[in-house]
Amino acid sequence: MKRKQTENDVDSDGGSDISFINVDFDFFGPNPAVDFLAINRLLQQLFQWDTEIFDTNKLTDLILAQPGVGSTVKTDGEDSDPFALLTALNMHIHHEHPSIKSIANYCLDKVSSSGDRDFHDVLHTLFSQNQQHVGLVICERLINMPVQVIPPMYRMLTEELRRAISNSEPYQFSHFLFISRCYHLTPEEESALANSAPRYRPKSKTSLSKKSRQIPSKSEPEPPADGIYSFHPEDVTIREFALHTVDFKYNNAPKEPREKDAFGLDVRARIMLIPAERFQALVDKLQEVYNVT
């Protein structure tokens, strides 16, 4: 089923030379006929150097096997490639699936290595019983996709989960486990980034323009003490609702120290655990933060 959202152009402050392009974003359920390759690429982008651990081919098949839950974003009709994906998978129903099993073991190992004993105990308990089910939230998009497409996707996900539950489908979750990305900046990189940031203040109304990612986020104004930043702006808000959060390096990331003039970001991974009773409040907060109606 097609779901469409259109936004108008937004004028910038006087004197700004930033231009905006009006874009229509169409929201579709995952489509097994056309989405396999693009979703697989998004999963590889999410898992980075550790992609081979999770068999993203099989994970893509699993995502496409539940088209009634989850959304993709496209700009050129249903038969075009998706630029963004959001879905939730039942980690208990699919606990024997090789990708889900690998993700569960990977998360337990990373949380254990972090030294967060409380998080590990909670996660181990959740994975060791059958009364409470954990929903694995997978949200990834191309880098030029604006964050403003995310709140509608989460809003639709809550509606899809409610509809599935009313149809006695296994989507009644006690917790949601988010896997996302973050990145590390050295003090020198932070200083260079601060000096090169655009001096631009957006109007109050949000645009879904292709260049809206150039607007600095208001959610993370102070440099974090550990130099770890959210890769996706919405993760700053999601983290506020999490019981536990752990950031870590990928297993197969390059081991040698980064050179001072190294190209690209020092990308890492993040796991967040949110109780289901906080999920609707999170969705409402995302709508508020990014001024999406």
Protein backbone atom coordinates (compact mmCIF):
# COMPACT_ATOMS: atom_id res chain seq x y z
CA MET A 1 0.00 0.00 0.00
CA LYS A 2 1.31 3.41 -0.95
CA ARG A 3 1.60 6.14 1.65
CA LYS A 4 2.68 9.56 0.49
CA GLN A 5 4.02 12.61 2.26
CA THR A 6 4.83 15.88 0.51
CA GLU A 7 6.61 18.92 1.92
CA ASN A 8 6.89 22.43 0.49
CA ASP A 9 10.02 24.49 -0.02
CA VAL A 10 11.24 26.49 2.97
CA ASP A 11 12.86 29.91 2.67
CA SER A 12 16.20 30.34 4.40
CA ASP A 13 17.34 33.28 6.52
CA GLY A 14 18.34 36.36 4.59
CA GLY A 15 21.86 36.20 3.25
CA SER A 16 22.09 32.40 3.23
CA ASP A 17 23.16 30.82 -0.04
CA ILE A 18 21.78 27.39 0.88
CA SER A 19 19.24 26.26 -1.72
CA PHE A 20 16.43 23.79 -1.18
CA ILE A 21 14.82 21.31 -3.52
CA ASN A 22 11.22 20.21 -3.07
CA VAL A 23 11.01 16.40 -2.93
CA ASP A 24 8.09 13.99 -2.59
CA PHE A 25 8.83 10.98 -0.40
CA ASP A 26 6.63 7.91 -0.83
CA PHE A 27 6.28 5.36 1.94
CA PHE A 28 5.76 1.69 1.05
CA GLY A 29 5.80 -1.63 2.83
CA PRO A 30 8.86 -3.79 2.06
CA ASN A 31 8.39 -5.31 -1.40
CA PRO A 32 9.97 -8.74 -2.02
CA ALA A 33 9.73 -8.22 -5.78
CA VAL A 34 12.03 -5.19 -5.97
CA ASP A 35 13.60 -4.33 -2.60
CA PHE A 36 16.02 -7.19 -1.90
CA LEU A 37 19.24 -5.66 -3.22
CA ALA A 38 18.66 -2.19 -1.78
CA ILE A 39 17.66 -3.47 1.67
CA ASN A 40 20.67 -5.78 1.67
CA ARG A 41 22.91 -2.79 0.94
CA LEU A 42 21.32 -0.82 3.79
CA LEU A 43 21.99 -3.72 6.17
CA GLN A 44 25.61 -3.87 5.02
CA GLN A 45 25.85 -0.14 5.66
CA LEU A 46 24.46 -0.66 9.17
CA PHE A 47 26.75 -3.55 10.11
CA GLN A 48 29.84 -2.14 8.37
CA TRP A 49 32.91 -4.39 8.79
CA ASP A 50 30.91 -7.03 10.69
CA THR A 51 28.39 -7.65 7.90
CA GLU A 52 29.56 -11.21 7.22
CA ILE A 53 28.74 -12.22 10.80
CA PHE A 54 25.01 -11.75 10.24
CA ASP A 55 24.34 -13.18 6.75
CA THR A 56 22.49 -10.13 5.47
CA ASN A 57 21.04 -12.11 2.56
CA LYS A 58 19.01 -14.23 4.96
CA LEU A 59 18.21 -11.25 7.16
CA THR A 60 16.88 -9.39 4.11
CA ASP A 61 14.68 -12.37 3.26
CA LEU A 62 13.30 -12.32 6.81
CA ILE A 63 12.49 -8.61 6.60
CA LEU A 64 10.76 -9.07 3.26
CA ALA A 65 8.74 -12.00 4.63
CA GLN A 66 6.72 -9.62 6.83
CA PRO A 67 5.61 -6.83 4.45
CA GLY A 68 2.77 -5.82 6.79
CA VAL A 69 5.23 -4.47 9.38
CA GLY A 70 7.82 -1.89 8.47
CA SER A 71 8.29 0.84 5.87
CA THR A 72 10.60 1.89 3.09
CA VAL A 73 11.01 5.36 1.59
CA LYS A 74 11.22 5.89 -2.17
CA THR A 75 11.15 8.88 -4.49
CA ASP A 76 10.40 7.32 -7.87
CA GLY A 77 7.47 4.97 -7.37
CA GLU A 78 6.99 1.53 -5.86
CA ASP A 79 9.30 -0.20 -8.34
CA SER A 80 12.28 2.03 -7.47
CA ASP A 81 14.94 1.33 -4.86
CA PRO A 82 14.22 2.25 -1.24
CA PHE A 83 16.43 4.91 0.31
CA ALA A 84 15.40 4.18 3.91
CA LEU A 85 14.14 1.21 5.93
CA LEU A 86 12.45 0.79 9.30
CA THR A 87 11.17 -2.53 10.61
CA ALA A 88 10.84 -4.62 13.78
CA LEU A 89 11.57 -8.35 14.01
CA ASN A 90 10.52 -10.70 16.80
CA MET A 91 13.80 -12.06 18.20
CA HIS A 92 12.01 -14.86 20.07
CA ILE A 93 9.83 -16.18 17.26
CA HIS A 94 12.90 -16.12 15.00
CA HIS A 95 15.46 -17.14 17.63
CA GLU A 96 16.64 -20.09 15.51
CA HIS A 97 17.06 -17.96 12.41
CA PRO A 98 20.84 -17.77 11.77
CA SER A 99 20.90 -13.98 11.44
CA ILE A 100 18.82 -13.36 14.57
CA LYS A 101 20.87 -15.89 16.53
CA SER A 102 24.08 -14.16 15.42
CA ILE A 103 22.70 -10.74 16.36
CA ALA A 104 21.65 -11.95 19.82
CA ASN A 105 25.05 -13.51 20.53
CA TYR A 106 26.84 -10.47 19.12
CA CYS A 107 24.89 -8.09 21.35
CA LEU A 108 25.49 -10.22 24.45
CA ASP A 109 29.21 -10.37 23.68
CA LYS A 110 29.52 -6.63 23.08
CA VAL A 111 27.54 -5.70 26.19
CA SER A 112 29.62 -8.13 28.26
CA SER A 113 32.86 -6.68 26.88
CA SER A 114 31.69 -3.17 27.73
CA GLY A 115 31.61 -4.00 31.44
CA ASP A 116 27.94 -2.99 31.77
CA ARG A 117 26.90 -5.90 33.97
CA ASP A 118 23.34 -4.65 34.48
CA PHE A 119 22.72 -4.39 30.75
CA HIS A 120 24.18 -7.84 30.16
CA ASP A 121 22.05 -9.40 32.90
CA VAL A 122 18.87 -7.82 31.54
CA LEU A 123 19.63 -8.84 27.96
CA HIS A 124 20.65 -12.37 28.94
CA THR A 125 17.45 -12.79 30.96
CA LEU A 126 15.30 -11.53 28.10
CA PHE A 127 16.94 -13.90 25.62
CA SER A 128 16.66 -16.86 28.02
CA GLN A 129 12.88 -16.89 28.56
CA ASN A 130 9.75 -17.05 26.43
CA GLN A 131 7.17 -14.91 28.24
CA GLN A 132 8.54 -11.56 27.12
CA HIS A 133 9.48 -10.95 23.50
CA VAL A 134 12.12 -8.52 22.24
CA GLY A 135 11.56 -6.55 19.05
CA LEU A 136 14.71 -5.93 17.02
CA VAL A 137 14.43 -2.46 15.48
CA ILE A 138 16.36 -2.01 12.24
CA CYS A 139 16.44 1.55 10.94
CA GLU A 140 18.88 2.63 8.25
CA ARG A 141 18.93 5.08 5.37
CA LEU A 142 21.20 6.60 2.77
CA ILE A 143 23.31 9.47 4.04
CA ASN A 144 21.51 12.12 1.99
CA MET A 145 18.08 11.22 3.37
CA PRO A 146 16.81 13.87 5.83
CA VAL A 147 15.98 12.89 9.38
CA GLN A 148 12.45 14.26 8.89
CA VAL A 149 11.41 11.05 7.11
CA ILE A 150 12.01 9.08 10.31
CA PRO A 151 9.14 10.25 12.60
CA PRO A 152 6.43 9.27 10.07
CA MET A 153 8.05 5.85 9.69
CA TYR A 154 7.98 5.29 13.45
CA ARG A 155 4.39 6.52 13.63
CA MET A 156 3.39 4.04 10.94
CA LEU A 157 5.33 1.28 12.71
CA THR A 158 3.32 1.77 15.90
CA GLU A 159 0.10 1.56 13.88
CA GLU A 160 1.30 -1.56 12.08
CA LEU A 161 2.28 -3.24 15.34
CA ARG A 162 -1.11 -2.47 16.89
CA ARG A 163 -2.88 -3.84 13.83
CA ALA A 164 -0.74 -6.98 13.84
CA ILE A 165 -1.40 -7.56 17.54
CA SER A 166 -5.15 -7.16 17.00
CA ASN A 167 -4.85 -9.90 14.36
CA SER A 168 -3.10 -12.17 16.90
CA GLU A 169 0.25 -11.88 15.15
CA PRO A 170 3.40 -12.16 17.33
CA TYR A 171 4.33 -8.50 17.74
CA GLN A 172 3.55 -7.95 21.42
CA PHE A 173 6.95 -6.84 22.69
CA SER A 174 8.16 -6.11 26.20
CA HIS A 175 11.31 -4.38 24.94
CA PHE A 176 12.79 -2.97 21.75
CA LEU A 177 16.46 -3.53 20.92
CA PHE A 178 17.96 -0.91 18.60
CA ILE A 179 21.17 -1.45 16.65
CA SER A 180 22.58 1.72 15.14
CA ARG A 181 25.81 3.53 14.37
CA CYS A 182 27.87 6.22 16.05
CA TYR A 183 31.28 7.73 15.38
CA HIS A 184 34.29 8.93 17.33
CA LEU A 185 36.04 12.27 16.91
CA THR A 186 39.41 13.18 18.36
CA PRO A 187 39.70 16.63 20.01
CA GLU A 188 41.50 17.84 16.88
CA GLU A 189 38.68 16.57 14.65
CA GLU A 190 36.08 18.19 16.91
CA SER A 191 37.87 21.52 16.68
CA ALA A 192 38.16 21.32 12.90
CA LEU A 193 34.50 20.39 12.56
CA ALA A 194 33.37 23.24 14.82
CA ASN A 195 35.36 25.75 12.78
CA SER A 196 33.88 24.53 9.49
CA ALA A 197 30.22 24.29 10.62
CA PRO A 198 27.79 26.39 8.51
CA ARG A 199 26.45 29.50 10.22
CA TYR A 200 22.81 28.85 9.46
CA ARG A 201 19.63 28.91 11.53
CA PRO A 202 16.58 27.21 10.04
CA LYS A 203 13.08 28.60 10.11
CA SER A 204 10.63 27.02 12.52
CA LYS A 205 8.97 24.84 9.88
CA THR A 206 10.84 21.71 8.87
CA SER A 207 11.58 20.85 5.26
CA LEU A 208 12.17 17.42 3.81
CA SER A 209 14.64 18.88 1.36
CA LYS A 210 17.64 16.98 0.09
CA LYS A 211 19.97 19.43 1.83
CA SER A 212 18.24 19.59 5.20
CA ARG A 213 20.98 17.40 6.71
CA GLN A 214 23.23 20.48 6.51
CA ILE A 215 21.25 22.07 9.34
CA PRO A 216 23.15 21.54 12.60
CA SER A 217 21.24 19.41 15.11
CA LYS A 218 19.99 21.15 18.23
CA SER A 219 19.83 17.84 20.08
CA GLU A 220 23.56 17.43 20.78
CA PRO A 221 24.90 20.97 21.37
CA GLU A 222 27.81 20.13 23.66
CA PRO A 223 30.70 17.91 22.56
CA PRO A 224 30.45 14.57 24.42
CA ALA A 225 33.27 13.88 26.86
CA ASP A 226 34.13 10.58 25.18
CA GLY A 227 34.05 12.02 21.66
CA ILE A 228 31.26 9.62 20.63
CA TYR A 229 28.52 11.15 18.47
CA SER A 230 25.26 9.73 17.15
CA PHE A 231 25.51 8.98 13.44
CA HIS A 232 21.78 9.50 12.99
CA PRO A 233 20.36 12.63 14.71
CA GLU A 234 17.27 10.79 15.97
CA ASP A 235 19.45 8.46 18.04
CA VAL A 236 20.08 11.33 20.46
CA THR A 237 16.37 11.29 21.28
CA ILE A 238 16.08 7.50 21.25
CA ARG A 239 18.93 7.27 23.73
CA GLU A 240 16.99 9.48 26.17
CA PHE A 241 14.32 6.77 26.40
CA ALA A 242 16.73 3.83 26.69
CA LEU A 243 17.23 1.76 29.82
CA HIS A 244 20.72 0.86 28.64
CA THR A 245 23.08 1.99 25.88
CA VAL A 246 26.46 0.63 24.82
CA ASP A 247 28.78 1.98 22.12
CA PHE A 248 31.54 -0.22 20.74
CA LYS A 249 33.96 -0.86 17.90
CA TYR A 250 33.14 -3.38 15.19
CA ASN A 251 34.94 -6.71 15.51
CA ASN A 252 36.52 -6.48 12.08
CA ALA A 253 37.23 -2.76 11.98
CA PRO A 254 40.81 -1.88 10.99
CA LYS A 255 43.10 -2.48 13.96
CA GLU A 256 45.84 0.01 13.14
CA PRO A 257 45.57 3.51 14.65
CA ARG A 258 43.95 6.08 12.39
CA GLU A 259 46.31 8.58 10.80
CA LYS A 260 45.75 12.24 11.66
CA ASP A 261 44.77 12.96 8.06
CA ALA A 262 42.75 9.75 7.60
CA PHE A 263 39.78 10.06 5.25
CA GLY A 264 36.28 9.34 6.60
CA LEU A 265 34.81 8.85 10.05
CA ASP A 266 35.81 6.43 12.78
CA VAL A 267 32.44 4.66 12.62
CA ARG A 268 31.35 2.46 15.51
CA ALA A 269 28.16 0.69 16.60
CA ARG A 270 25.54 1.29 19.28
CA ILE A 271 22.99 -0.91 21.04
CA MET A 272 20.03 0.60 22.91
CA LEU A 273 17.31 -1.19 24.90
CA ILE A 274 13.95 0.52 25.42
CA PRO A 275 10.97 -0.87 27.36
CA ALA A 276 7.84 -1.16 25.25
CA GLU A 277 5.87 1.14 27.54
CA ARG A 278 8.18 4.00 26.51
CA PHE A 279 7.91 3.39 22.77
CA GLN A 280 4.85 5.54 22.06
CA ALA A 281 6.33 8.41 24.08
CA LEU A 282 9.51 8.08 22.00
CA VAL A 283 7.54 8.26 18.76
CA ASP A 284 5.68 11.34 20.00
CA LYS A 285 8.97 12.97 21.00
CA LEU A 286 10.50 12.36 17.58
CA GLN A 287 7.50 14.07 16.01
CA GLU A 288 7.99 17.03 18.34
CA VAL A 289 11.77 17.35 17.96
CA TYR A 290 11.70 17.30 14.17
CA ASN A 291 8.52 19.38 13.83
CA VAL A 292 6.75 16.83 11.63
CA THR A 293 2.96 16.97 11.43
